Amino acid sequence: FQVTREIHFCYGHRLLDYRGKCAHL
């Protein structure tokens, strides 16, 4: 059997050592 709960949240981040949009906050 399986059950799943969906959870929504907002967050900010950025990725180091990455080239592209996600390198920025």
PDBML (XML) file of the C-alpha atoms, coordinates in Angstrom:
<?xml version="1.0" encoding="UTF-8" ?>
<PDBx:datablock datablockName="MODEL"
   xmlns:PDBx="http://pdbml.pdb.org/schema/pdbx-v50.xsd"
   xmlns:xsi="http://www.w3.org/2001/XMLSchema-instance"
   xsi:schemaLocation="http://pdbml.pdb.org/schema/pdbx-v50.xsd pdbx-v50.xsd">
   <PDBx:atom_siteCategory>
      <PDBx:atom_site id="1">
         <PDBx:B_iso_or_equiv>0.00</PDBx:B_iso_or_equiv>
         <PDBx:Cartn_x>0.000</PDBx:Cartn_x>
         <PDBx:Cartn_y>0.000</PDBx:Cartn_y>
         <PDBx:Cartn_z>0.000</PDBx:Cartn_z>
         <PDBx:auth_asym_id>A</PDBx:auth_asym_id>
         <PDBx:auth_atom_id>CA</PDBx:auth_atom_id>
         <PDBx:auth_comp_id>PHE</PDBx:auth_comp_id>
         <PDBx:auth_seq_id>1</PDBx:auth_seq_id>
         <PDBx:group_PDB>ATOM</PDBx:group_PDB>
         <PDBx:label_alt_id xsi:nil="true" />
         <PDBx:label_asym_id>A</PDBx:label_asym_id>
         <PDBx:label_atom_id>CA</PDBx:label_atom_id>
         <PDBx:label_comp_id>PHE</PDBx:label_comp_id>
         <PDBx:label_entity_id>1</PDBx:label_entity_id>
         <PDBx:label_seq_id>1</PDBx:label_seq_id>
         <PDBx:occupancy>1.00</PDBx:occupancy>
         <PDBx:pdbx_PDB_model_num>1</PDBx:pdbx_PDB_model_num>
         <PDBx:type_symbol>C</PDBx:type_symbol>
      </PDBx:atom_site>
      <PDBx:atom_site id="2">
         <PDBx:B_iso_or_equiv>0.00</PDBx:B_iso_or_equiv>
         <PDBx:Cartn_x>1.095</PDBx:Cartn_x>
         <PDBx:Cartn_y>3.583</PDBx:Cartn_y>
         <PDBx:Cartn_z>-0.628</PDBx:Cartn_z>
         <PDBx:auth_asym_id>A</PDBx:auth_asym_id>
         <PDBx:auth_atom_id>CA</PDBx:auth_atom_id>
         <PDBx:auth_comp_id>GLN</PDBx:auth_comp_id>
         <PDBx:auth_seq_id>2</PDBx:auth_seq_id>
         <PDBx:group_PDB>ATOM</PDBx:group_PDB>
         <PDBx:label_alt_id xsi:nil="true" />
         <PDBx:label_asym_id>A</PDBx:label_asym_id>
         <PDBx:label_atom_id>CA</PDBx:label_atom_id>
         <PDBx:label_comp_id>GLN</PDBx:label_comp_id>
         <PDBx:label_entity_id>1</PDBx:label_entity_id>
         <PDBx:label_seq_id>2</PDBx:label_seq_id>
         <PDBx:occupancy>1.00</PDBx:occupancy>
         <PDBx:pdbx_PDB_model_num>1</PDBx:pdbx_PDB_model_num>
         <PDBx:type_symbol>C</PDBx:type_symbol>
      </PDBx:atom_site>
      <PDBx:atom_site id="3">
         <PDBx:B_iso_or_equiv>0.00</PDBx:B_iso_or_equiv>
         <PDBx:Cartn_x>-0.142</PDBx:Cartn_x>
         <PDBx:Cartn_y>7.024</PDBx:Cartn_y>
         <PDBx:Cartn_z>0.390</PDBx:Cartn_z>
         <PDBx:auth_asym_id>A</PDBx:auth_asym_id>
         <PDBx:auth_atom_id>CA</PDBx:auth_atom_id>
         <PDBx:auth_comp_id>VAL</PDBx:auth_comp_id>
         <PDBx:auth_seq_id>3</PDBx:auth_seq_id>
         <PDBx:group_PDB>ATOM</PDBx:group_PDB>
         <PDBx:label_alt_id xsi:nil="true" />
         <PDBx:label_asym_id>A</PDBx:label_asym_id>
         <PDBx:label_atom_id>CA</PDBx:label_atom_id>
         <PDBx:label_comp_id>VAL</PDBx:label_comp_id>
         <PDBx:label_entity_id>1</PDBx:label_entity_id>
         <PDBx:label_seq_id>3</PDBx:label_seq_id>
         <PDBx:occupancy>1.00</PDBx:occupancy>
         <PDBx:pdbx_PDB_model_num>1</PDBx:pdbx_PDB_model_num>
         <PDBx:type_symbol>C</PDBx:type_symbol>
      </PDBx:atom_site>
      <PDBx:atom_site id="4">
         <PDBx:B_iso_or_equiv>0.00</PDBx:B_iso_or_equiv>
         <PDBx:Cartn_x>1.166</PDBx:Cartn_x>
         <PDBx:Cartn_y>10.356</PDBx:Cartn_y>
         <PDBx:Cartn_z>-0.833</PDBx:Cartn_z>
         <PDBx:auth_asym_id>A</PDBx:auth_asym_id>
         <PDBx:auth_atom_id>CA</PDBx:auth_atom_id>
         <PDBx:auth_comp_id>THR</PDBx:auth_comp_id>
         <PDBx:auth_seq_id>4</PDBx:auth_seq_id>
         <PDBx:group_PDB>ATOM</PDBx:group_PDB>
         <PDBx:label_alt_id xsi:nil="true" />
         <PDBx:label_asym_id>A</PDBx:label_asym_id>
         <PDBx:label_atom_id>CA</PDBx:label_atom_id>
         <PDBx:label_comp_id>THR</PDBx:label_comp_id>
         <PDBx:label_entity_id>1</PDBx:label_entity_id>
         <PDBx:label_seq_id>4</PDBx:label_seq_id>
         <PDBx:occupancy>1.00</PDBx:occupancy>
         <PDBx:pdbx_PDB_model_num>1</PDBx:pdbx_PDB_model_num>
         <PDBx:type_symbol>C</PDBx:type_symbol>
      </PDBx:atom_site>
      <PDBx:atom_site id="5">
         <PDBx:B_iso_or_equiv>0.00</PDBx:B_iso_or_equiv>
         <PDBx:Cartn_x>0.961</PDBx:Cartn_x>
         <PDBx:Cartn_y>13.814</PDBx:Cartn_y>
         <PDBx:Cartn_z>0.719</PDBx:Cartn_z>
         <PDBx:auth_asym_id>A</PDBx:auth_asym_id>
         <PDBx:auth_atom_id>CA</PDBx:auth_atom_id>
         <PDBx:auth_comp_id>ARG</PDBx:auth_comp_id>
         <PDBx:auth_seq_id>5</PDBx:auth_seq_id>
         <PDBx:group_PDB>ATOM</PDBx:group_PDB>
         <PDBx:label_alt_id xsi:nil="true" />
         <PDBx:label_asym_id>A</PDBx:label_asym_id>
         <PDBx:label_atom_id>CA</PDBx:label_atom_id>
         <PDBx:label_comp_id>ARG</PDBx:label_comp_id>
         <PDBx:label_entity_id>1</PDBx:label_entity_id>
         <PDBx:label_seq_id>5</PDBx:label_seq_id>
         <PDBx:occupancy>1.00</PDBx:occupancy>
         <PDBx:pdbx_PDB_model_num>1</PDBx:pdbx_PDB_model_num>
         <PDBx:type_symbol>C</PDBx:type_symbol>
      </PDBx:atom_site>
      <PDBx:atom_site id="6">
         <PDBx:B_iso_or_equiv>0.00</PDBx:B_iso_or_equiv>
         <PDBx:Cartn_x>1.488</PDBx:Cartn_x>
         <PDBx:Cartn_y>16.899</PDBx:Cartn_y>
         <PDBx:Cartn_z>-1.437</PDBx:Cartn_z>
         <PDBx:auth_asym_id>A</PDBx:auth_asym_id>
         <PDBx:auth_atom_id>CA</PDBx:auth_atom_id>
         <PDBx:auth_comp_id>GLU</PDBx:auth_comp_id>
         <PDBx:auth_seq_id>6</PDBx:auth_seq_id>
         <PDBx:group_PDB>ATOM</PDBx:group_PDB>
         <PDBx:label_alt_id xsi:nil="true" />
         <PDBx:label_asym_id>A</PDBx:label_asym_id>
         <PDBx:label_atom_id>CA</PDBx:label_atom_id>
         <PDBx:label_comp_id>GLU</PDBx:label_comp_id>
         <PDBx:label_entity_id>1</PDBx:label_entity_id>
         <PDBx:label_seq_id>6</PDBx:label_seq_id>
         <PDBx:occupancy>1.00</PDBx:occupancy>
         <PDBx:pdbx_PDB_model_num>1</PDBx:pdbx_PDB_model_num>
         <PDBx:type_symbol>C</PDBx:type_symbol>
      </PDBx:atom_site>
      <PDBx:atom_site id="7">
         <PDBx:B_iso_or_equiv>0.00</PDBx:B_iso_or_equiv>
         <PDBx:Cartn_x>3.191</PDBx:Cartn_x>
         <PDBx:Cartn_y>19.888</PDBx:Cartn_y>
         <PDBx:Cartn_z>0.191</PDBx:Cartn_z>
         <PDBx:auth_asym_id>A</PDBx:auth_asym_id>
         <PDBx:auth_atom_id>CA</PDBx:auth_atom_id>
         <PDBx:auth_comp_id>ILE</PDBx:auth_comp_id>
         <PDBx:auth_seq_id>7</PDBx:auth_seq_id>
         <PDBx:group_PDB>ATOM</PDBx:group_PDB>
         <PDBx:label_alt_id xsi:nil="true" />
         <PDBx:label_asym_id>A</PDBx:label_asym_id>
         <PDBx:label_atom_id>CA</PDBx:label_atom_id>
         <PDBx:label_comp_id>ILE</PDBx:label_comp_id>
         <PDBx:label_entity_id>1</PDBx:label_entity_id>
         <PDBx:label_seq_id>7</PDBx:label_seq_id>
         <PDBx:occupancy>1.00</PDBx:occupancy>
         <PDBx:pdbx_PDB_model_num>1</PDBx:pdbx_PDB_model_num>
         <PDBx:type_symbol>C</PDBx:type_symbol>
      </PDBx:atom_site>
      <PDBx:atom_site id="8">
         <PDBx:B_iso_or_equiv>0.00</PDBx:B_iso_or_equiv>
         <PDBx:Cartn_x>3.713</PDBx:Cartn_x>
         <PDBx:Cartn_y>23.325</PDBx:Cartn_y>
         <PDBx:Cartn_z>-1.380</PDBx:Cartn_z>
         <PDBx:auth_asym_id>A</PDBx:auth_asym_id>
         <PDBx:auth_atom_id>CA</PDBx:auth_atom_id>
         <PDBx:auth_comp_id>HIS</PDBx:auth_comp_id>
         <PDBx:auth_seq_id>8</PDBx:auth_seq_id>
         <PDBx:group_PDB>ATOM</PDBx:group_PDB>
         <PDBx:label_alt_id xsi:nil="true" />
         <PDBx:label_asym_id>A</PDBx:label_asym_id>
         <PDBx:label_atom_id>CA</PDBx:label_atom_id>
         <PDBx:label_comp_id>HIS</PDBx:label_comp_id>
         <PDBx:label_entity_id>1</PDBx:label_entity_id>
         <PDBx:label_seq_id>8</PDBx:label_seq_id>
         <PDBx:occupancy>1.00</PDBx:occupancy>
         <PDBx:pdbx_PDB_model_num>1</PDBx:pdbx_PDB_model_num>
         <PDBx:type_symbol>C</PDBx:type_symbol>
      </PDBx:atom_site>
      <PDBx:atom_site id="9">
         <PDBx:B_iso_or_equiv>0.00</PDBx:B_iso_or_equiv>
         <PDBx:Cartn_x>6.349</PDBx:Cartn_x>
         <PDBx:Cartn_y>25.830</PDBx:Cartn_y>
         <PDBx:Cartn_z>-0.294</PDBx:Cartn_z>
         <PDBx:auth_asym_id>A</PDBx:auth_asym_id>
         <PDBx:auth_atom_id>CA</PDBx:auth_atom_id>
         <PDBx:auth_comp_id>PHE</PDBx:auth_comp_id>
         <PDBx:auth_seq_id>9</PDBx:auth_seq_id>
         <PDBx:group_PDB>ATOM</PDBx:group_PDB>
         <PDBx:label_alt_id xsi:nil="true" />
         <PDBx:label_asym_id>A</PDBx:label_asym_id>
         <PDBx:label_atom_id>CA</PDBx:label_atom_id>
         <PDBx:label_comp_id>PHE</PDBx:label_comp_id>
         <PDBx:label_entity_id>1</PDBx:label_entity_id>
         <PDBx:label_seq_id>9</PDBx:label_seq_id>
         <PDBx:occupancy>1.00</PDBx:occupancy>
         <PDBx:pdbx_PDB_model_num>1</PDBx:pdbx_PDB_model_num>
         <PDBx:type_symbol>C</PDBx:type_symbol>
      </PDBx:atom_site>
      <PDBx:atom_site id="10">
         <PDBx:B_iso_or_equiv>0.00</PDBx:B_iso_or_equiv>
         <PDBx:Cartn_x>8.306</PDBx:Cartn_x>
         <PDBx:Cartn_y>28.775</PDBx:Cartn_y>
         <PDBx:Cartn_z>-1.652</PDBx:Cartn_z>
         <PDBx:auth_asym_id>A</PDBx:auth_asym_id>
         <PDBx:auth_atom_id>CA</PDBx:auth_atom_id>
         <PDBx:auth_comp_id>CYS</PDBx:auth_comp_id>
         <PDBx:auth_seq_id>10</PDBx:auth_seq_id>
         <PDBx:group_PDB>ATOM</PDBx:group_PDB>
         <PDBx:label_alt_id xsi:nil="true" />
         <PDBx:label_asym_id>A</PDBx:label_asym_id>
         <PDBx:label_atom_id>CA</PDBx:label_atom_id>
         <PDBx:label_comp_id>CYS</PDBx:label_comp_id>
         <PDBx:label_entity_id>1</PDBx:label_entity_id>
         <PDBx:label_seq_id>10</PDBx:label_seq_id>
         <PDBx:occupancy>1.00</PDBx:occupancy>
         <PDBx:pdbx_PDB_model_num>1</PDBx:pdbx_PDB_model_num>
         <PDBx:type_symbol>C</PDBx:type_symbol>
      </PDBx:atom_site>
      <PDBx:atom_site id="11">
         <PDBx:B_iso_or_equiv>0.00</PDBx:B_iso_or_equiv>
         <PDBx:Cartn_x>12.067</PDBx:Cartn_x>
         <PDBx:Cartn_y>29.045</PDBx:Cartn_y>
         <PDBx:Cartn_z>-1.533</PDBx:Cartn_z>
         <PDBx:auth_asym_id>A</PDBx:auth_asym_id>
         <PDBx:auth_atom_id>CA</PDBx:auth_atom_id>
         <PDBx:auth_comp_id>TYR</PDBx:auth_comp_id>
         <PDBx:auth_seq_id>11</PDBx:auth_seq_id>
         <PDBx:group_PDB>ATOM</PDBx:group_PDB>
         <PDBx:label_alt_id xsi:nil="true" />
         <PDBx:label_asym_id>A</PDBx:label_asym_id>
         <PDBx:label_atom_id>CA</PDBx:label_atom_id>
         <PDBx:label_comp_id>TYR</PDBx:label_comp_id>
         <PDBx:label_entity_id>1</PDBx:label_entity_id>
         <PDBx:label_seq_id>11</PDBx:label_seq_id>
         <PDBx:occupancy>1.00</PDBx:occupancy>
         <PDBx:pdbx_PDB_model_num>1</PDBx:pdbx_PDB_model_num>
         <PDBx:type_symbol>C</PDBx:type_symbol>
      </PDBx:atom_site>
      <PDBx:atom_site id="12">
         <PDBx:B_iso_or_equiv>0.00</PDBx:B_iso_or_equiv>
         <PDBx:Cartn_x>15.032</PDBx:Cartn_x>
         <PDBx:Cartn_y>30.757</PDBx:Cartn_y>
         <PDBx:Cartn_z>-3.107</PDBx:Cartn_z>
         <PDBx:auth_asym_id>A</PDBx:auth_asym_id>
         <PDBx:auth_atom_id>CA</PDBx:auth_atom_id>
         <PDBx:auth_comp_id>GLY</PDBx:auth_comp_id>
         <PDBx:auth_seq_id>12</PDBx:auth_seq_id>
         <PDBx:group_PDB>ATOM</PDBx:group_PDB>
         <PDBx:label_alt_id xsi:nil="true" />
         <PDBx:label_asym_id>A</PDBx:label_asym_id>
         <PDBx:label_atom_id>CA</PDBx:label_atom_id>
         <PDBx:label_comp_id>GLY</PDBx:label_comp_id>
         <PDBx:label_entity_id>1</PDBx:label_entity_id>
         <PDBx:label_seq_id>12</PDBx:label_seq_id>
         <PDBx:occupancy>1.00</PDBx:occupancy>
         <PDBx:pdbx_PDB_model_num>1</PDBx:pdbx_PDB_model_num>
         <PDBx:type_symbol>C</PDBx:type_symbol>
      </PDBx:atom_site>
      <PDBx:atom_site id="13">
         <PDBx:B_iso_or_equiv>0.00</PDBx:B_iso_or_equiv>
         <PDBx:Cartn_x>18.404</PDBx:Cartn_x>
         <PDBx:Cartn_y>29.320</PDBx:Cartn_y>
         <PDBx:Cartn_z>-3.996</PDBx:Cartn_z>
         <PDBx:auth_asym_id>A</PDBx:auth_asym_id>
         <PDBx:auth_atom_id>CA</PDBx:auth_atom_id>
         <PDBx:auth_comp_id>HIS</PDBx:auth_comp_id>
         <PDBx:auth_seq_id>13</PDBx:auth_seq_id>
         <PDBx:group_PDB>ATOM</PDBx:group_PDB>
         <PDBx:label_alt_id xsi:nil="true" />
         <PDBx:label_asym_id>A</PDBx:label_asym_id>
         <PDBx:label_atom_id>CA</PDBx:label_atom_id>
         <PDBx:label_comp_id>HIS</PDBx:label_comp_id>
         <PDBx:label_entity_id>1</PDBx:label_entity_id>
         <PDBx:label_seq_id>13</PDBx:label_seq_id>
         <PDBx:occupancy>1.00</PDBx:occupancy>
         <PDBx:pdbx_PDB_model_num>1</PDBx:pdbx_PDB_model_num>
         <PDBx:type_symbol>C</PDBx:type_symbol>
      </PDBx:atom_site>
      <PDBx:atom_site id="14">
         <PDBx:B_iso_or_equiv>0.00</PDBx:B_iso_or_equiv>
         <PDBx:Cartn_x>21.300</PDBx:Cartn_x>
         <PDBx:Cartn_y>29.398</PDBx:Cartn_y>
         <PDBx:Cartn_z>-6.377</PDBx:Cartn_z>
         <PDBx:auth_asym_id>A</PDBx:auth_asym_id>
         <PDBx:auth_atom_id>CA</PDBx:auth_atom_id>
         <PDBx:auth_comp_id>ARG</PDBx:auth_comp_id>
         <PDBx:auth_seq_id>14</PDBx:auth_seq_id>
         <PDBx:group_PDB>ATOM</PDBx:group_PDB>
         <PDBx:label_alt_id xsi:nil="true" />
         <PDBx:label_asym_id>A</PDBx:label_asym_id>
         <PDBx:label_atom_id>CA</PDBx:label_atom_id>
         <PDBx:label_comp_id>ARG</PDBx:label_comp_id>
         <PDBx:label_entity_id>1</PDBx:label_entity_id>
         <PDBx:label_seq_id>14</PDBx:label_seq_id>
         <PDBx:occupancy>1.00</PDBx:occupancy>
         <PDBx:pdbx_PDB_model_num>1</PDBx:pdbx_PDB_model_num>
         <PDBx:type_symbol>C</PDBx:type_symbol>
      </PDBx:atom_site>
      <PDBx:atom_site id="15">
         <PDBx:B_iso_or_equiv>0.00</PDBx:B_iso_or_equiv>
         <PDBx:Cartn_x>23.811</PDBx:Cartn_x>
         <PDBx:Cartn_y>26.821</PDBx:Cartn_y>
         <PDBx:Cartn_z>-7.529</PDBx:Cartn_z>
         <PDBx:auth_asym_id>A</PDBx:auth_asym_id>
         <PDBx:auth_atom_id>CA</PDBx:auth_atom_id>
         <PDBx:auth_comp_id>LEU</PDBx:auth_comp_id>
         <PDBx:auth_seq_id>15</PDBx:auth_seq_id>
         <PDBx:group_PDB>ATOM</PDBx:group_PDB>
         <PDBx:label_alt_id xsi:nil="true" />
         <PDBx:label_asym_id>A</PDBx:label_asym_id>
         <PDBx:label_atom_id>CA</PDBx:label_atom_id>
         <PDBx:label_comp_id>LEU</PDBx:label_comp_id>
         <PDBx:label_entity_id>1</PDBx:label_entity_id>
         <PDBx:label_seq_id>15</PDBx:label_seq_id>
         <PDBx:occupancy>1.00</PDBx:occupancy>
         <PDBx:pdbx_PDB_model_num>1</PDBx:pdbx_PDB_model_num>
         <PDBx:type_symbol>C</PDBx:type_symbol>
      </PDBx:atom_site>
      <PDBx:atom_site id="16">
         <PDBx:B_iso_or_equiv>0.00</PDBx:B_iso_or_equiv>
         <PDBx:Cartn_x>27.545</PDBx:Cartn_x>
         <PDBx:Cartn_y>27.280</PDBx:Cartn_y>
         <PDBx:Cartn_z>-7.182</PDBx:Cartn_z>
         <PDBx:auth_asym_id>A</PDBx:auth_asym_id>
         <PDBx:auth_atom_id>CA</PDBx:auth_atom_id>
         <PDBx:auth_comp_id>LEU</PDBx:auth_comp_id>
         <PDBx:auth_seq_id>16</PDBx:auth_seq_id>
         <PDBx:group_PDB>ATOM</PDBx:group_PDB>
         <PDBx:label_alt_id xsi:nil="true" />
         <PDBx:label_asym_id>A</PDBx:label_asym_id>
         <PDBx:label_atom_id>CA</PDBx:label_atom_id>
         <PDBx:label_comp_id>LEU</PDBx:label_comp_id>
         <PDBx:label_entity_id>1</PDBx:label_entity_id>
         <PDBx:label_seq_id>16</PDBx:label_seq_id>
         <PDBx:occupancy>1.00</PDBx:occupancy>
         <PDBx:pdbx_PDB_model_num>1</PDBx:pdbx_PDB_model_num>
         <PDBx:type_symbol>C</PDBx:type_symbol>
      </PDBx:atom_site>
      <PDBx:atom_site id="17">
         <PDBx:B_iso_or_equiv>0.00</PDBx:B_iso_or_equiv>
         <PDBx:Cartn_x>29.931</PDBx:Cartn_x>
         <PDBx:Cartn_y>25.901</PDBx:Cartn_y>
         <PDBx:Cartn_z>-9.818</PDBx:Cartn_z>
         <PDBx:auth_asym_id>A</PDBx:auth_asym_id>
         <PDBx:auth_atom_id>CA</PDBx:auth_atom_id>
         <PDBx:auth_comp_id>ASP</PDBx:auth_comp_id>
         <PDBx:auth_seq_id>17</PDBx:auth_seq_id>
         <PDBx:group_PDB>ATOM</PDBx:group_PDB>
         <PDBx:label_alt_id xsi:nil="true" />
         <PDBx:label_asym_id>A</PDBx:label_asym_id>
         <PDBx:label_atom_id>CA</PDBx:label_atom_id>
         <PDBx:label_comp_id>ASP</PDBx:label_comp_id>
         <PDBx:label_entity_id>1</PDBx:label_entity_id>
         <PDBx:label_seq_id>17</PDBx:label_seq_id>
         <PDBx:occupancy>1.00</PDBx:occupancy>
         <PDBx:pdbx_PDB_model_num>1</PDBx:pdbx_PDB_model_num>
         <PDBx:type_symbol>C</PDBx:type_symbol>
      </PDBx:atom_site>
      <PDBx:atom_site id="18">
         <PDBx:B_iso_or_equiv>0.00</PDBx:B_iso_or_equiv>
         <PDBx:Cartn_x>27.125</PDBx:Cartn_x>
         <PDBx:Cartn_y>26.080</PDBx:Cartn_y>
         <PDBx:Cartn_z>-12.364</PDBx:Cartn_z>
         <PDBx:auth_asym_id>A</PDBx:auth_asym_id>
         <PDBx:auth_atom_id>CA</PDBx:auth_atom_id>
         <PDBx:auth_comp_id>TYR</PDBx:auth_comp_id>
         <PDBx:auth_seq_id>18</PDBx:auth_seq_id>
         <PDBx:group_PDB>ATOM</PDBx:group_PDB>
         <PDBx:label_alt_id xsi:nil="true" />
         <PDBx:label_asym_id>A</PDBx:label_asym_id>
         <PDBx:label_atom_id>CA</PDBx:label_atom_id>
         <PDBx:label_comp_id>TYR</PDBx:label_comp_id>
         <PDBx:label_entity_id>1</PDBx:label_entity_id>
         <PDBx:label_seq_id>18</PDBx:label_seq_id>
         <PDBx:occupancy>1.00</PDBx:occupancy>
         <PDBx:pdbx_PDB_model_num>1</PDBx:pdbx_PDB_model_num>
         <PDBx:type_symbol>C</PDBx:type_symbol>
      </PDBx:atom_site>
      <PDBx:atom_site id="19">
         <PDBx:B_iso_or_equiv>0.00</PDBx:B_iso_or_equiv>
         <PDBx:Cartn_x>26.803</PDBx:Cartn_x>
         <PDBx:Cartn_y>27.923</PDBx:Cartn_y>
         <PDBx:Cartn_z>-15.664</PDBx:Cartn_z>
         <PDBx:auth_asym_id>A</PDBx:auth_asym_id>
         <PDBx:auth_atom_id>CA</PDBx:auth_atom_id>
         <PDBx:auth_comp_id>ARG</PDBx:auth_comp_id>
         <PDBx:auth_seq_id>19</PDBx:auth_seq_id>
         <PDBx:group_PDB>ATOM</PDBx:group_PDB>
         <PDBx:label_alt_id xsi:nil="true" />
         <PDBx:label_asym_id>A</PDBx:label_asym_id>
         <PDBx:label_atom_id>CA</PDBx:label_atom_id>
         <PDBx:label_comp_id>ARG</PDBx:label_comp_id>
         <PDBx:label_entity_id>1</PDBx:label_entity_id>
         <PDBx:label_seq_id>19</PDBx:label_seq_id>
         <PDBx:occupancy>1.00</PDBx:occupancy>
         <PDBx:pdbx_PDB_model_num>1</PDBx:pdbx_PDB_model_num>
         <PDBx:type_symbol>C</PDBx:type_symbol>
      </PDBx:atom_site>
      <PDBx:atom_site id="20">
         <PDBx:B_iso_or_equiv>0.00</PDBx:B_iso_or_equiv>
         <PDBx:Cartn_x>23.320</PDBx:Cartn_x>
         <PDBx:Cartn_y>29.129</PDBx:Cartn_y>
         <PDBx:Cartn_z>-16.448</PDBx:Cartn_z>
         <PDBx:auth_asym_id>A</PDBx:auth_asym_id>
         <PDBx:auth_atom_id>CA</PDBx:auth_atom_id>
         <PDBx:auth_comp_id>GLY</PDBx:auth_comp_id>
         <PDBx:auth_seq_id>20</PDBx:auth_seq_id>
         <PDBx:group_PDB>ATOM</PDBx:group_PDB>
         <PDBx:label_alt_id xsi:nil="true" />
         <PDBx:label_asym_id>A</PDBx:label_asym_id>
         <PDBx:label_atom_id>CA</PDBx:label_atom_id>
         <PDBx:label_comp_id>GLY</PDBx:label_comp_id>
         <PDBx:label_entity_id>1</PDBx:label_entity_id>
         <PDBx:label_seq_id>20</PDBx:label_seq_id>
         <PDBx:occupancy>1.00</PDBx:occupancy>
         <PDBx:pdbx_PDB_model_num>1</PDBx:pdbx_PDB_model_num>
         <PDBx:type_symbol>C</PDBx:type_symbol>
      </PDBx:atom_site>
      <PDBx:atom_site id="21">
         <PDBx:B_iso_or_equiv>0.00</PDBx:B_iso_or_equiv>
         <PDBx:Cartn_x>20.397</PDBx:Cartn_x>
         <PDBx:Cartn_y>30.981</PDBx:Cartn_y>
         <PDBx:Cartn_z>-14.923</PDBx:Cartn_z>
         <PDBx:auth_asym_id>A</PDBx:auth_asym_id>
         <PDBx:auth_atom_id>CA</PDBx:auth_atom_id>
         <PDBx:auth_comp_id>LYS</PDBx:auth_comp_id>
         <PDBx:auth_seq_id>21</PDBx:auth_seq_id>
         <PDBx:group_PDB>ATOM</PDBx:group_PDB>
         <PDBx:label_alt_id xsi:nil="true" />
         <PDBx:label_asym_id>A</PDBx:label_asym_id>
         <PDBx:label_atom_id>CA</PDBx:label_atom_id>
         <PDBx:label_comp_id>LYS</PDBx:label_comp_id>
         <PDBx:label_entity_id>1</PDBx:label_entity_id>
         <PDBx:label_seq_id>21</PDBx:label_seq_id>
         <PDBx:occupancy>1.00</PDBx:occupancy>
         <PDBx:pdbx_PDB_model_num>1</PDBx:pdbx_PDB_model_num>
         <PDBx:type_symbol>C</PDBx:type_symbol>
      </PDBx:atom_site>
      <PDBx:atom_site id="22">
         <PDBx:B_iso_or_equiv>0.00</PDBx:B_iso_or_equiv>
         <PDBx:Cartn_x>20.467</PDBx:Cartn_x>
         <PDBx:Cartn_y>28.940</PDBx:Cartn_y>
         <PDBx:Cartn_z>-11.704</PDBx:Cartn_z>
         <PDBx:auth_asym_id>A</PDBx:auth_asym_id>
         <PDBx:auth_atom_id>CA</PDBx:auth_atom_id>
         <PDBx:auth_comp_id>CYS</PDBx:auth_comp_id>
         <PDBx:auth_seq_id>22</PDBx:auth_seq_id>
         <PDBx:group_PDB>ATOM</PDBx:group_PDB>
         <PDBx:label_alt_id xsi:nil="true" />
         <PDBx:label_asym_id>A</PDBx:label_asym_id>
         <PDBx:label_atom_id>CA</PDBx:label_atom_id>
         <PDBx:label_comp_id>CYS</PDBx:label_comp_id>
         <PDBx:label_entity_id>1</PDBx:label_entity_id>
         <PDBx:label_seq_id>22</PDBx:label_seq_id>
         <PDBx:occupancy>1.00</PDBx:occupancy>
         <PDBx:pdbx_PDB_model_num>1</PDBx:pdbx_PDB_model_num>
         <PDBx:type_symbol>C</PDBx:type_symbol>
      </PDBx:atom_site>
      <PDBx:atom_site id="23">
         <PDBx:B_iso_or_equiv>0.00</PDBx:B_iso_or_equiv>
         <PDBx:Cartn_x>23.876</PDBx:Cartn_x>
         <PDBx:Cartn_y>30.389</PDBx:Cartn_y>
         <PDBx:Cartn_z>-10.832</PDBx:Cartn_z>
         <PDBx:auth_asym_id>A</PDBx:auth_asym_id>
         <PDBx:auth_atom_id>CA</PDBx:auth_atom_id>
         <PDBx:auth_comp_id>ALA</PDBx:auth_comp_id>
         <PDBx:auth_seq_id>23</PDBx:auth_seq_id>
         <PDBx:group_PDB>ATOM</PDBx:group_PDB>
         <PDBx:label_alt_id xsi:nil="true" />
         <PDBx:label_asym_id>A</PDBx:label_asym_id>
         <PDBx:label_atom_id>CA</PDBx:label_atom_id>
         <PDBx:label_comp_id>ALA</PDBx:label_comp_id>
         <PDBx:label_entity_id>1</PDBx:label_entity_id>
         <PDBx:label_seq_id>23</PDBx:label_seq_id>
         <PDBx:occupancy>1.00</PDBx:occupancy>
         <PDBx:pdbx_PDB_model_num>1</PDBx:pdbx_PDB_model_num>
         <PDBx:type_symbol>C</PDBx:type_symbol>
      </PDBx:atom_site>
      <PDBx:atom_site id="24">
         <PDBx:B_iso_or_equiv>0.00</PDBx:B_iso_or_equiv>
         <PDBx:Cartn_x>22.010</PDBx:Cartn_x>
         <PDBx:Cartn_y>33.543</PDBx:Cartn_y>
         <PDBx:Cartn_z>-9.758</PDBx:Cartn_z>
         <PDBx:auth_asym_id>A</PDBx:auth_asym_id>
         <PDBx:auth_atom_id>CA</PDBx:auth_atom_id>
         <PDBx:auth_comp_id>HIS</PDBx:auth_comp_id>
         <PDBx:auth_seq_id>24</PDBx:auth_seq_id>
         <PDBx:group_PDB>ATOM</PDBx:group_PDB>
         <PDBx:label_alt_id xsi:nil="true" />
         <PDBx:label_asym_id>A</PDBx:label_asym_id>
         <PDBx:label_atom_id>CA</PDBx:label_atom_id>
         <PDBx:label_comp_id>HIS</PDBx:label_comp_id>
         <PDBx:label_entity_id>1</PDBx:label_entity_id>
         <PDBx:label_seq_id>24</PDBx:label_seq_id>
         <PDBx:occupancy>1.00</PDBx:occupancy>
         <PDBx:pdbx_PDB_model_num>1</PDBx:pdbx_PDB_model_num>
         <PDBx:type_symbol>C</PDBx:type_symbol>
      </PDBx:atom_site>
      <PDBx:atom_site id="25">
         <PDBx:B_iso_or_equiv>0.00</PDBx:B_iso_or_equiv>
         <PDBx:Cartn_x>19.790</PDBx:Cartn_x>
         <PDBx:Cartn_y>34.035</PDBx:Cartn_y>
         <PDBx:Cartn_z>-6.726</PDBx:Cartn_z>
         <PDBx:auth_asym_id>A</PDBx:auth_asym_id>
         <PDBx:auth_atom_id>CA</PDBx:auth_atom_id>
         <PDBx:auth_comp_id>LEU</PDBx:auth_comp_id>
         <PDBx:auth_seq_id>25</PDBx:auth_seq_id>
         <PDBx:group_PDB>ATOM</PDBx:group_PDB>
         <PDBx:label_alt_id xsi:nil="true" />
         <PDBx:label_asym_id>A</PDBx:label_asym_id>
         <PDBx:label_atom_id>CA</PDBx:label_atom_id>
         <PDBx:label_comp_id>LEU</PDBx:label_comp_id>
         <PDBx:label_entity_id>1</PDBx:label_entity_id>
         <PDBx:label_seq_id>25</PDBx:label_seq_id>
         <PDBx:occupancy>1.00</PDBx:occupancy>
         <PDBx:pdbx_PDB_model_num>1</PDBx:pdbx_PDB_model_num>
         <PDBx:type_symbol>C</PDBx:type_symbol>
      </PDBx:atom_site>
   </PDBx:atom_siteCategory>
</PDBx:datablock>
